Amino acid sequence: MDFQQIIEAVGRYMDFAGVAVMVVGAVASIPLALRGYKPKRLPASSAPLSVYRSYRQLLGRSILLGLEFLVAADIIRTVAVTPTFESVGVLAVIVLIRTFLSFSIELEITGRWPWQKAPAPTPDSGAHPTSPAS
């Protein structure tokens, strides 16, 4: 077995791992969402998530992790095996698309872009600034 075949095999295993993470994450998220999973970053004063929202957040995290594996597999195969301008260009397009997907999913899950800091907890955590005054 030569170097190129080993790298191709590693790339295939990474692809498999990425897909497996997404599938296992989608299946494992169902019982967690049904049991009322609450993310740690969710403010204590916020209302509990519906089963649907909870499942979407868990599924989104699984997809993000799976995408990381898939990008790593593409990079391994492209860089380790004699790169051409065409293969590097295809890799660039794939990475751009997957990065856009990752940012979109992160925005959907957390309500912030990945580079934005989490909002600081307010000292008056019992009051909701968006609720009307009585």
N, C-alpha and C. Protein backbone atom coordinates (compact mmCIF):
# COMPACT_ATOMS: atom_id res chain seq x y z
N MET A 1 0.86 -1.19 0.00
CA MET A 1 0.00 0.00 0.00
C MET A 1 0.89 1.24 0.00
N ASP A 2 0.72 2.10 -0.97
CA ASP A 2 1.56 3.30 -1.04
C ASP A 2 0.90 4.47 -0.30
N PHE A 3 1.64 5.57 -0.22
CA PHE A 3 1.21 6.74 0.55
C PHE A 3 -0.13 7.29 0.06
N GLN A 4 -0.31 7.37 -1.25
CA GLN A 4 -1.54 7.94 -1.79
C GLN A 4 -2.76 7.09 -1.40
N GLN A 5 -2.61 5.79 -1.42
CA GLN A 5 -3.72 4.92 -1.04
C GLN A 5 -4.04 5.06 0.45
N ILE A 6 -3.01 5.22 1.26
CA ILE A 6 -3.23 5.40 2.71
C ILE A 6 -4.00 6.70 2.96
N ILE A 7 -3.58 7.78 2.28
CA ILE A 7 -4.25 9.07 2.46
C ILE A 7 -5.70 8.99 1.97
N GLU A 8 -5.93 8.33 0.86
CA GLU A 8 -7.30 8.17 0.37
C GLU A 8 -8.15 7.40 1.40
N ALA A 9 -7.56 6.36 1.99
CA ALA A 9 -8.28 5.59 3.00
C ALA A 9 -8.59 6.44 4.22
N VAL A 10 -7.61 7.23 4.66
CA VAL A 10 -7.84 8.12 5.80
C VAL A 10 -8.95 9.12 5.47
N GLY A 11 -8.93 9.66 4.27
CA GLY A 11 -9.98 10.58 3.84
C GLY A 11 -11.35 9.94 3.85
N ARG A 12 -11.44 8.70 3.38
CA ARG A 12 -12.72 7.98 3.38
C ARG A 12 -13.21 7.75 4.81
N TYR A 13 -12.28 7.38 5.70
CA TYR A 13 -12.66 7.16 7.10
C TYR A 13 -13.14 8.45 7.75
N MET A 14 -12.50 9.55 7.43
CA MET A 14 -12.94 10.85 7.96
C MET A 14 -14.32 11.21 7.41
N ASP A 15 -14.55 10.94 6.12
CA ASP A 15 -15.88 11.17 5.55
C ASP A 15 -16.93 10.33 6.28
N PHE A 16 -16.58 9.06 6.50
CA PHE A 16 -17.50 8.16 7.21
C PHE A 16 -17.77 8.68 8.62
N ALA A 17 -16.72 9.14 9.30
CA ALA A 17 -16.87 9.66 10.66
C ALA A 17 -17.79 10.88 10.66
N GLY A 18 -17.63 11.77 9.68
CA GLY A 18 -18.48 12.96 9.60
C GLY A 18 -19.95 12.60 9.42
N VAL A 19 -20.22 11.67 8.51
CA VAL A 19 -21.60 11.25 8.28
C VAL A 19 -22.13 10.52 9.52
N ALA A 20 -21.30 9.67 10.12
CA ALA A 20 -21.73 8.93 11.31
C ALA A 20 -22.07 9.87 12.46
N VAL A 21 -21.27 10.92 12.65
CA VAL A 21 -21.54 11.89 13.71
C VAL A 21 -22.90 12.54 13.48
N MET A 22 -23.19 12.89 12.23
CA MET A 22 -24.48 13.53 11.94
C MET A 22 -25.65 12.57 12.18
N VAL A 23 -25.50 11.32 11.73
CA VAL A 23 -26.59 10.36 11.89
C VAL A 23 -26.79 9.99 13.36
N VAL A 24 -25.72 9.68 14.06
CA VAL A 24 -25.82 9.33 15.48
C VAL A 24 -26.35 10.53 16.27
N GLY A 25 -25.87 11.73 15.93
CA GLY A 25 -26.36 12.93 16.61
C GLY A 25 -27.84 13.15 16.39
N ALA A 26 -28.32 12.91 15.17
CA ALA A 26 -29.74 13.09 14.87
C ALA A 26 -30.59 12.10 15.66
N VAL A 27 -30.12 10.87 15.75
CA VAL A 27 -30.88 9.84 16.48
C VAL A 27 -30.79 10.07 17.99
N ALA A 28 -29.60 10.37 18.50
CA ALA A 28 -29.42 10.56 19.95
C ALA A 28 -30.11 11.83 20.44
N SER A 29 -30.33 12.79 19.56
CA SER A 29 -30.96 14.04 19.95
C SER A 29 -32.44 13.87 20.27
N ILE A 30 -33.06 12.86 19.71
CA ILE A 30 -34.50 12.67 19.90
C ILE A 30 -34.84 12.43 21.38
N PRO A 31 -34.22 11.43 22.04
CA PRO A 31 -34.58 11.24 23.46
C PRO A 31 -34.16 12.42 24.34
N LEU A 32 -33.04 13.06 24.00
CA LEU A 32 -32.62 14.22 24.79
C LEU A 32 -33.65 15.35 24.69
N ALA A 33 -34.13 15.60 23.48
CA ALA A 33 -35.12 16.66 23.29
C ALA A 33 -36.44 16.31 23.98
N LEU A 34 -36.82 15.05 23.91
CA LEU A 34 -38.07 14.63 24.56
C LEU A 34 -38.00 14.73 26.07
N ARG A 35 -36.79 14.58 26.64
CA ARG A 35 -36.61 14.69 28.09
C ARG A 35 -36.44 16.13 28.55
N GLY A 36 -36.51 17.08 27.63
CA GLY A 36 -36.44 18.49 28.01
C GLY A 36 -35.03 19.01 28.14
N TYR A 37 -34.15 18.65 27.22
CA TYR A 37 -32.77 19.13 27.22
C TYR A 37 -32.75 20.65 27.26
N LYS A 38 -31.90 21.20 28.13
CA LYS A 38 -31.74 22.65 28.23
C LYS A 38 -30.25 22.96 28.10
N PRO A 39 -29.85 23.74 27.09
CA PRO A 39 -28.44 24.07 26.93
C PRO A 39 -27.89 24.82 28.12
N LYS A 40 -26.61 24.63 28.42
CA LYS A 40 -25.99 25.29 29.57
C LYS A 40 -25.92 26.80 29.38
N ARG A 41 -25.78 27.25 28.14
CA ARG A 41 -25.64 28.68 27.86
C ARG A 41 -26.95 29.43 27.91
N LEU A 42 -28.05 28.74 28.04
CA LEU A 42 -29.35 29.38 28.08
C LEU A 42 -29.51 30.11 29.42
N PRO A 43 -29.88 31.39 29.42
CA PRO A 43 -30.04 32.11 30.68
C PRO A 43 -31.08 31.43 31.57
N ALA A 44 -30.83 31.48 32.86
CA ALA A 44 -31.71 30.82 33.83
C ALA A 44 -33.12 31.40 33.80
N SER A 45 -33.24 32.66 33.44
CA SER A 45 -34.55 33.31 33.47
C SER A 45 -35.37 33.05 32.20
N SER A 46 -34.78 32.41 31.21
CA SER A 46 -35.50 32.20 29.96
C SER A 46 -36.49 31.06 30.08
N ALA A 47 -37.48 31.12 29.23
CA ALA A 47 -38.50 30.08 29.21
C ALA A 47 -37.90 28.78 28.68
N PRO A 48 -38.41 27.64 29.14
CA PRO A 48 -37.88 26.36 28.65
C PRO A 48 -38.13 26.23 27.14
N LEU A 49 -37.21 25.53 26.48
CA LEU A 49 -37.34 25.33 25.04
C LEU A 49 -38.40 24.27 24.76
N SER A 50 -39.09 24.46 23.64
CA SER A 50 -40.02 23.41 23.21
C SER A 50 -39.20 22.21 22.75
N VAL A 51 -39.84 21.08 22.62
CA VAL A 51 -39.16 19.87 22.15
C VAL A 51 -38.58 20.13 20.77
N TYR A 52 -39.33 20.81 19.93
CA TYR A 52 -38.88 21.12 18.57
C TYR A 52 -37.61 21.97 18.58
N ARG A 53 -37.61 23.05 19.36
CA ARG A 53 -36.43 23.94 19.43
C ARG A 53 -35.24 23.21 20.03
N SER A 54 -35.50 22.42 21.05
CA SER A 54 -34.42 21.67 21.68
C SER A 54 -33.80 20.69 20.68
N TYR A 55 -34.64 19.98 19.93
CA TYR A 55 -34.14 19.03 18.93
C TYR A 55 -33.36 19.76 17.85
N ARG A 56 -33.86 20.90 17.42
CA ARG A 56 -33.14 21.67 16.39
C ARG A 56 -31.76 22.09 16.86
N GLN A 57 -31.65 22.51 18.10
CA GLN A 57 -30.34 22.91 18.62
C GLN A 57 -29.40 21.71 18.71
N LEU A 58 -29.88 20.60 19.20
CA LEU A 58 -29.04 19.41 19.31
C LEU A 58 -28.63 18.90 17.93
N LEU A 59 -29.58 18.88 17.01
CA LEU A 59 -29.29 18.44 15.65
C LEU A 59 -28.29 19.38 14.97
N GLY A 60 -28.46 20.66 15.19
CA GLY A 60 -27.52 21.64 14.62
C GLY A 60 -26.10 21.43 15.11
N ARG A 61 -25.95 21.14 16.38
CA ARG A 61 -24.61 20.87 16.93
C ARG A 61 -24.01 19.62 16.29
N SER A 62 -24.82 18.59 16.08
CA SER A 62 -24.33 17.37 15.43
C SER A 62 -23.89 17.65 14.00
N ILE A 63 -24.67 18.44 13.30
CA ILE A 63 -24.33 18.77 11.91
C ILE A 63 -23.04 19.58 11.87
N LEU A 64 -22.88 20.53 12.79
CA LEU A 64 -21.64 21.33 12.83
C LEU A 64 -20.42 20.44 13.04
N LEU A 65 -20.50 19.51 13.97
CA LEU A 65 -19.37 18.62 14.22
C LEU A 65 -19.11 17.72 13.02
N GLY A 66 -20.16 17.20 12.41
CA GLY A 66 -20.00 16.38 11.21
C GLY A 66 -19.37 17.14 10.07
N LEU A 67 -19.76 18.40 9.89
CA LEU A 67 -19.16 19.24 8.84
C LEU A 67 -17.67 19.44 9.07
N GLU A 68 -17.26 19.56 10.32
CA GLU A 68 -15.83 19.72 10.62
C GLU A 68 -15.05 18.48 10.16
N PHE A 69 -15.61 17.30 10.41
CA PHE A 69 -14.95 16.07 9.95
C PHE A 69 -14.88 16.03 8.42
N LEU A 70 -15.96 16.43 7.76
CA LEU A 70 -15.98 16.38 6.30
C LEU A 70 -14.99 17.36 5.69
N VAL A 71 -14.88 18.55 6.27
CA VAL A 71 -13.89 19.53 5.78
C VAL A 71 -12.48 18.99 5.99
N ALA A 72 -12.23 18.38 7.15
CA ALA A 72 -10.91 17.81 7.41
C ALA A 72 -10.57 16.72 6.40
N ALA A 73 -11.54 15.89 6.06
CA ALA A 73 -11.31 14.84 5.08
C ALA A 73 -10.96 15.42 3.72
N ASP A 74 -11.68 16.46 3.31
CA ASP A 74 -11.39 17.09 2.02
C ASP A 74 -9.99 17.70 2.01
N ILE A 75 -9.61 18.34 3.10
CA ILE A 75 -8.29 18.96 3.18
C ILE A 75 -7.20 17.89 3.13
N ILE A 76 -7.38 16.81 3.86
CA ILE A 76 -6.39 15.73 3.87
C ILE A 76 -6.20 15.18 2.47
N ARG A 77 -7.29 14.90 1.79
CA ARG A 77 -7.18 14.32 0.45
C ARG A 77 -6.59 15.30 -0.55
N THR A 78 -6.93 16.56 -0.45
CA THR A 78 -6.46 17.53 -1.44
C THR A 78 -5.00 17.90 -1.22
N VAL A 79 -4.61 18.14 0.01
CA VAL A 79 -3.26 18.62 0.29
C VAL A 79 -2.24 17.49 0.24
N ALA A 80 -2.59 16.33 0.77
CA ALA A 80 -1.63 15.23 0.85
C ALA A 80 -1.37 14.57 -0.50
N VAL A 81 -2.36 14.53 -1.35
CA VAL A 81 -2.21 13.95 -2.67
C VAL A 81 -1.92 15.10 -3.63
N THR A 82 -0.91 14.98 -4.42
CA THR A 82 -0.43 16.00 -5.35
C THR A 82 -1.51 17.02 -5.72
N PRO A 83 -1.49 18.19 -5.07
CA PRO A 83 -2.53 19.19 -5.34
C PRO A 83 -2.34 19.86 -6.71
N THR A 84 -3.44 20.05 -7.39
CA THR A 84 -3.45 20.79 -8.64
C THR A 84 -4.28 22.04 -8.42
N PHE A 85 -4.19 22.98 -9.36
CA PHE A 85 -5.01 24.19 -9.23
C PHE A 85 -6.49 23.84 -9.23
N GLU A 86 -6.85 22.85 -10.01
CA GLU A 86 -8.26 22.44 -10.07
C GLU A 86 -8.71 21.85 -8.74
N SER A 87 -7.90 20.95 -8.14
CA SER A 87 -8.31 20.33 -6.87
C SER A 87 -8.32 21.35 -5.73
N VAL A 88 -7.38 22.28 -5.74
CA VAL A 88 -7.37 23.32 -4.71
C VAL A 88 -8.56 24.25 -4.88
N GLY A 89 -8.91 24.56 -6.13
CA GLY A 89 -10.10 25.39 -6.39
C GLY A 89 -11.37 24.72 -5.93
N VAL A 90 -11.50 23.42 -6.21
CA VAL A 90 -12.67 22.68 -5.76
C VAL A 90 -12.72 22.65 -4.23
N LEU A 91 -11.56 22.43 -3.59
CA LEU A 91 -11.50 22.44 -2.13
C LEU A 91 -11.93 23.79 -1.58
N ALA A 92 -11.46 24.87 -2.21
CA ALA A 92 -11.82 26.22 -1.74
C ALA A 92 -13.33 26.43 -1.80
N VAL A 93 -13.96 25.98 -2.88
CA VAL A 93 -15.41 26.14 -3.01
C VAL A 93 -16.13 25.30 -1.96
N ILE A 94 -15.67 24.06 -1.75
CA ILE A 94 -16.29 23.19 -0.74
C ILE A 94 -16.15 23.79 0.65
N VAL A 95 -14.97 24.29 0.98
CA VAL A 95 -14.75 24.89 2.30
C VAL A 95 -15.60 26.14 2.47
N LEU A 96 -15.72 26.96 1.43
CA LEU A 96 -16.57 28.15 1.51
C LEU A 96 -18.03 27.79 1.77
N ILE A 97 -18.52 26.80 1.04
CA ILE A 97 -19.91 26.39 1.22
C ILE A 97 -20.13 25.84 2.62
N ARG A 98 -19.23 24.98 3.07
CA ARG A 98 -19.39 24.38 4.40
C ARG A 98 -19.20 25.41 5.51
N THR A 99 -18.32 26.38 5.30
CA THR A 99 -18.16 27.44 6.29
C THR A 99 -19.43 28.28 6.37
N PHE A 100 -20.02 28.61 5.23
CA PHE A 100 -21.28 29.34 5.22
C PHE A 100 -22.36 28.55 5.96
N LEU A 101 -22.42 27.24 5.70
CA LEU A 101 -23.40 26.40 6.41
C LEU A 101 -23.15 26.41 7.91
N SER A 102 -21.88 26.30 8.30
CA SER A 102 -21.54 26.30 9.73
C SER A 102 -21.95 27.61 10.39
N PHE A 103 -21.66 28.74 9.74
CA PHE A 103 -22.04 30.03 10.30
C PHE A 103 -23.56 30.15 10.39
N SER A 104 -24.25 29.69 9.37
CA SER A 104 -25.72 29.78 9.37
C SER A 104 -26.32 28.93 10.48
N ILE A 105 -25.78 27.73 10.66
CA ILE A 105 -26.30 26.85 11.71
C ILE A 105 -25.99 27.44 13.09
N GLU A 106 -24.79 27.97 13.26
CA GLU A 106 -24.42 28.59 14.55
C GLU A 106 -25.35 29.76 14.85
N LEU A 107 -25.65 30.57 13.86
CA LEU A 107 -26.57 31.69 14.05
C LEU A 107 -27.96 31.19 14.43
N GLU A 108 -28.39 30.11 13.80
CA GLU A 108 -29.70 29.54 14.10
C GLU A 108 -29.76 28.98 15.52
N ILE A 109 -28.68 28.35 15.95
CA ILE A 109 -28.67 27.71 17.27
C ILE A 109 -28.57 28.74 18.38
N THR A 110 -27.60 29.65 18.28
CA THR A 110 -27.32 30.56 19.39
C THR A 110 -27.93 31.95 19.23
N GLY A 111 -28.31 32.30 18.01
CA GLY A 111 -28.84 33.64 17.77
C GLY A 111 -27.74 34.68 17.62
N ARG A 112 -26.48 34.23 17.55
CA ARG A 112 -25.33 35.13 17.38
C ARG A 112 -24.40 34.55 16.33
N TRP A 113 -23.62 35.41 15.70
CA TRP A 113 -22.57 34.94 14.82
C TRP A 113 -21.46 34.33 15.67
N PRO A 114 -20.67 33.43 15.13
CA PRO A 114 -19.63 32.75 15.93
C PRO A 114 -18.63 33.71 16.58
N TRP A 115 -18.37 34.85 15.98
CA TRP A 115 -17.38 35.77 16.53
C TRP A 115 -17.97 36.74 17.55
N GLN A 116 -19.27 36.72 17.75
CA GLN A 116 -19.89 37.61 18.73
C GLN A 116 -19.85 36.96 20.11
N LYS A 117 -19.64 37.81 21.12
CA LYS A 117 -19.62 37.31 22.50
C LYS A 117 -21.04 37.06 22.97
N ALA A 118 -21.16 36.15 23.92
CA ALA A 118 -22.47 35.89 24.53
C ALA A 118 -22.87 37.11 25.34
N PRO A 119 -24.15 37.45 25.36
CA PRO A 119 -24.58 38.59 26.16
C PRO A 119 -24.32 38.35 27.64
N ALA A 120 -23.87 39.37 28.32
CA ALA A 120 -23.58 39.27 29.76
C ALA A 120 -24.89 39.15 30.53
N PRO A 121 -24.91 38.32 31.57
CA PRO A 121 -26.14 38.20 32.36
C PRO A 121 -26.43 39.52 33.08
N THR A 122 -27.68 39.87 33.12
CA THR A 122 -28.08 41.11 33.78
C THR A 122 -28.24 40.86 35.27
N PRO A 123 -27.96 41.89 36.10
CA PRO A 123 -28.12 41.70 37.55
C PRO A 123 -29.57 41.43 37.94
N ASP A 124 -30.50 41.99 37.19
CA ASP A 124 -31.92 41.79 37.47
C ASP A 124 -32.43 40.69 36.54
N SER A 125 -32.08 39.44 36.83
CA SER A 125 -32.40 38.34 35.92
C SER A 125 -33.89 37.97 35.94
N GLY A 126 -34.66 38.48 36.91
CA GLY A 126 -36.08 38.16 36.97
C GLY A 126 -36.89 38.95 36.00
N ALA A 127 -36.43 40.12 35.60
CA ALA A 127 -37.21 40.98 34.70
C ALA A 127 -36.85 40.69 33.25
N HIS A 128 -37.82 40.77 32.41
CA HIS A 128 -37.59 40.60 30.97
C HIS A 128 -37.72 41.96 30.32
N PRO A 129 -36.62 42.47 29.71
CA PRO A 129 -36.68 43.81 29.14
C PRO A 129 -37.67 43.94 28.00
N THR A 130 -38.06 42.84 27.35
CA THR A 130 -38.97 42.94 26.25
C THR A 130 -40.42 42.82 26.67
N SER A 131 -40.67 42.45 27.92
CA SER A 131 -42.06 42.33 28.35
C SER A 131 -42.60 43.70 28.74
N PRO A 132 -43.87 43.94 28.41
CA PRO A 132 -44.46 45.25 28.72
C PRO A 132 -44.62 45.45 30.21
N ALA A 133 -44.53 46.70 30.63
CA ALA A 133 -44.70 47.05 32.05
C ALA A 133 -46.15 46.97 32.42
N SER A 134 -46.42 46.53 33.66
CA SER A 134 -47.81 46.41 34.11
C SER A 134 -48.31 47.69 34.67
